Amino acid sequence: MSWSITVLALAVLVACSGTPALAEHMTLVTPSAEAPGPHVTTEKTPTLDLGVTLGRDGFRLGARLFSALGVYGAWLNGQTRPDGFTVDGRLQQPDRAYNFRLNAEIDAWARRALDPFLSP
């Protein structure tokens, strides 16, 4: 009895595992323009990725554009420190990327003057 149940369960598992493959019967056929339904284009559409992050002591602004010509992007970070602030960023194109950084150390007198504007 248990032998026949095991064989039956195995047969059901084998039969069910083949069903997803039945849905892929048209993958090697080129779709015609007159065929009804959705059409798949082979051209890559540009994709834009934007990001904004705000924190207590800093921020990050960024964007990337994925296109057929390559990846373009830019981002800018800012962060406050006890003795000043830092701003850095990057400009990116398919051939080359440019990085920059600005570290500003503010003297004690300037820090006291700007403290009402910088403190939360």
Protein backbone atom coordinates (compact mmCIF):
# COMPACT_ATOMS: atom_id res chain seq x y z
CA MET A 1 0.00 0.00 0.00
CA SER A 2 2.68 2.52 0.98
CA TRP A 3 4.64 1.59 -2.15
CA SER A 4 1.75 2.60 -4.41
CA ILE A 5 1.22 5.89 -2.51
CA THR A 6 4.93 6.73 -2.90
CA VAL A 7 4.84 6.00 -6.63
CA LEU A 8 1.65 8.04 -7.03
CA ALA A 9 3.10 11.00 -5.11
CA LEU A 10 6.28 10.85 -7.19
CA ALA A 11 4.24 10.77 -10.42
CA VAL A 12 2.24 13.83 -9.30
CA LEU A 13 5.45 15.74 -8.46
CA VAL A 14 6.99 14.93 -11.85
CA ALA A 15 3.81 15.96 -13.67
CA CYS A 16 3.51 19.24 -11.75
CA SER A 17 7.16 20.19 -12.24
CA GLY A 18 6.70 20.18 -16.03
CA THR A 19 3.79 22.63 -16.12
CA PRO A 20 5.84 25.87 -15.97
CA ALA A 21 7.79 24.69 -19.02
CA LEU A 22 4.55 24.40 -21.00
CA ALA A 23 4.01 28.17 -20.74
CA GLU A 24 7.32 28.93 -22.52
CA HIS A 25 6.38 27.43 -25.86
CA MET A 26 6.67 30.71 -27.86
CA THR A 27 10.05 31.97 -26.62
CA LEU A 28 11.98 31.09 -29.81
CA VAL A 29 9.41 32.56 -32.20
CA THR A 30 9.82 36.15 -33.39
CA PRO A 31 6.57 38.06 -32.74
CA SER A 32 4.95 39.64 -35.78
CA ALA A 33 3.87 43.29 -35.88
CA GLU A 34 0.24 42.38 -36.57
CA ALA A 35 -0.07 39.95 -33.67
CA PRO A 36 -2.54 41.08 -31.02
CA GLY A 37 -1.40 41.70 -27.47
CA PRO A 38 1.55 43.49 -25.91
CA HIS A 39 4.68 43.93 -27.98
CA VAL A 40 8.20 43.69 -26.60
CA THR A 41 10.63 46.28 -27.92
CA THR A 42 14.32 45.51 -28.21
CA GLU A 43 15.37 49.13 -27.77
CA LYS A 44 16.43 50.02 -24.26
CA THR A 45 14.49 52.89 -22.78
CA PRO A 46 16.43 55.33 -20.59
CA THR A 47 15.98 54.88 -16.86
CA LEU A 48 16.35 57.69 -14.34
CA ASP A 49 17.23 56.95 -10.72
CA LEU A 50 16.86 59.82 -8.22
CA GLY A 51 17.83 59.75 -4.56
CA VAL A 52 17.49 62.27 -1.74
CA THR A 53 18.59 61.51 1.80
CA LEU A 54 18.40 63.97 4.66
CA GLY A 55 19.91 63.32 8.07
CA ARG A 56 20.64 65.20 11.23
CA ASP A 57 24.23 66.06 10.32
CA GLY A 58 24.17 65.75 6.54
CA PHE A 59 22.44 65.20 3.23
CA ARG A 60 22.88 63.32 -0.05
CA LEU A 61 21.44 64.23 -3.44
CA GLY A 62 22.02 61.88 -6.33
CA ALA A 63 20.83 60.97 -9.80
CA ARG A 64 21.78 58.36 -12.39
CA LEU A 65 20.63 58.01 -15.98
CA PHE A 66 20.96 54.59 -17.59
CA SER A 67 20.73 54.83 -21.38
CA ALA A 68 21.92 53.03 -24.49
CA LEU A 69 24.86 55.47 -24.65
CA GLY A 70 26.05 54.63 -21.13
CA VAL A 71 25.57 55.68 -17.53
CA TYR A 72 25.51 59.34 -16.53
CA GLY A 73 25.29 60.41 -12.92
CA ALA A 74 25.89 63.04 -10.31
CA TRP A 75 25.73 63.14 -6.54
CA LEU A 76 26.43 65.66 -3.82
CA ASN A 77 27.05 64.93 -0.13
CA GLY A 78 27.18 67.42 2.72
CA GLN A 79 28.13 66.77 6.33
CA THR A 80 28.76 68.94 9.36
CA ARG A 81 31.66 68.28 11.72
CA PRO A 82 32.58 69.79 15.09
CA ASP A 83 35.21 72.01 13.44
CA GLY A 84 33.43 72.79 10.14
CA PHE A 85 31.72 71.05 7.26
CA THR A 86 32.49 68.85 4.24
CA VAL A 87 30.88 68.90 0.80
CA ASP A 88 31.88 66.29 -1.76
CA GLY A 89 30.44 64.95 -4.97
CA ARG A 90 30.92 63.18 -8.27
CA LEU A 91 30.00 63.80 -11.90
CA GLN A 92 30.00 60.67 -14.03
CA GLN A 93 29.80 60.09 -17.76
CA PRO A 94 30.51 56.91 -19.77
CA ASP A 95 34.12 57.89 -20.55
CA ARG A 96 35.22 59.51 -17.32
CA ALA A 97 34.24 60.59 -13.82
CA TYR A 98 35.11 63.74 -11.88
CA ASN A 99 35.30 63.81 -8.06
CA PHE A 100 35.52 66.87 -5.85
CA ARG A 101 35.72 67.58 -2.12
CA LEU A 102 35.59 70.73 -0.02
CA ASN A 103 36.68 70.53 3.62
CA ALA A 104 35.98 73.78 5.41
CA GLU A 105 37.36 74.34 8.89
CA ILE A 106 35.62 77.24 10.54
CA ASP A 107 37.48 79.19 13.21
CA ALA A 108 35.97 79.60 16.66
CA TRP A 109 34.77 83.16 16.02
CA ALA A 110 33.05 82.21 12.76
CA ARG A 111 31.58 79.15 14.41
CA ARG A 112 30.03 81.30 17.16
CA ALA A 113 28.63 83.70 14.54
CA LEU A 114 27.11 80.88 12.44
CA ASP A 115 26.03 78.70 15.36
CA PRO A 116 22.44 80.06 15.54
CA PHE A 117 21.96 79.17 11.87
CA LEU A 118 23.62 75.73 12.00
CA SER A 119 22.31 74.32 15.27
CA PRO A 120 18.92 72.54 15.27
